[in-house]
Amino acid sequence: MSPIDRRTFLRAGAVAGLSASLLPVLPSAAAETPRIRRYARLGRTGLEVSDIGFGGSGIKKDVDVVRHALDRGITYFDTAESYHGGDSEELFGSALQGVRDKVVLVTKLKAGAREDRFSLMDRLEESLRRLRTDRVDVCFNHAVNDVERLKNPDWGEFLLRATEDGKVRWRGMSGHGGRLVECLDHAIDHDLVDVVLVGFNFGQDPAFHQRFTRRMDFVAIQPDLPRVLRKARAKDVGIIAMKTLRGARLNDMRPYETVGSTFAQAAFRWVFSTGLVDSLVVTMREKETIDEYLGASGWTRKALGDGALLTAYERDHGDAQCRYGCSACLDTCPAGVSIPDVLRARMYAHDYGNEELGRAELERLGSAADPCLRCAEPTCACPFGLPVSRLTRDAQRRLG
């Protein structure tokens, strides 16, 4: 069945279920002060973290927003050297003065397959200077989508020296690309990480998609991410989820929401209900959005109305969003374009409204995505029905 037919099916099913099942989840929530209601142990690190963490990729100046998060009980703060050219680290460094010992602060360095340990140490020192601290609790190898980056002996040597010097407490890797599962398997099997930060959302739920595909001639490859997360769990590796909003088209969902039940809260509850993560991190920009997100803190199961909200989102946006951990499209392009990376750049610009980040992501690929504009007979294919060639062309025209 074509993607258009599938979209029509999803629309009909979602509309039928919304009015009956989209009911308030917490009638008294509006009268309560939103705050963190659960703290979790981050795997073998033993660190206690808020179940919802502050993602710093979308903010670079507003100290009051960070302090609002602190006042609401958020203790996990995530940034990277590349976020706004270091301005995100500068912001956290300023906002977290005086409370450093009360929070878990992490940053990320993108270490290449041939990066040397000395340049990595210099970059870490710069991050620590911007963060106004002598240590980070976790240092992640940022956006890993190539096992060779993990095999680089200098990355291991750098982390060993940094931990011995007390500049880094725990080792990590982050990723949400097409080769995510391969990289996670390698990192976990070779004991290279204490914490992983992974793209994970309801798009990885086989049962969720099966509801709409069981009567169709539609074969969907289900991502292998839950398996590798269970393996990480068995080895007591801490797990933080990101990209939990599956493109974060929040305003599009407002017509379907009711007090006490928003799309973001439903998406977070799905993540918590899997039992596969310790916490999640989400980009935070405004105090009001933080308060909305915290409506899901403390939940470990789904709530009435969540299914209808997630279905509505999938109906409207499922044919433009990659499933993290699915690499089915990687070998379908004769020019070797890394399709998930191109679509991720488009997501940053189109869905997140952050063209700066989307353009930086596409520029990182160099000319690798240029063939998309010249392609006369696209052979790229997606088992979930995404119009890949249209989306990659749009990314190139918008950001290239």
Foldseek 3Di string as FASTA:
>chain_A
DAPVVLLVLLVVVLVVPLVPFQDAFDPCLVVDFQAFDDWFQQFPLRDTFGQEAAEQLPDQDDLVLVVLNVVRPGAEYEEECPRVNLSSLLSQLVNCPPPVVVHQYEYEDAADLARALVVVVVSLVVSCVSNVHQAHAEYENEADQDLSRVVRVRVVVNVVVCCVVVRYVFYEYEHFAQNVLVNLVVCLVVVVGQEYEYADWPQLPPVLVCVSPVPHPFDADRFPVVVSLVVCVVVRRAYEYECLLQLQQQVVLVVSHDVNDGQLLLSSLVVLQVVSHRHYYYHDDDSVVSSVNSSNRPHNHGTGSSSSSVSVCCSVPVLLTDHGRHNVQQPQFPLRARQRLLSVLVSCCPRVVHNVSSLVSVVVVPCSLVVLCVDPDGRGDHSSNHPRSVSSNVSVVSRD
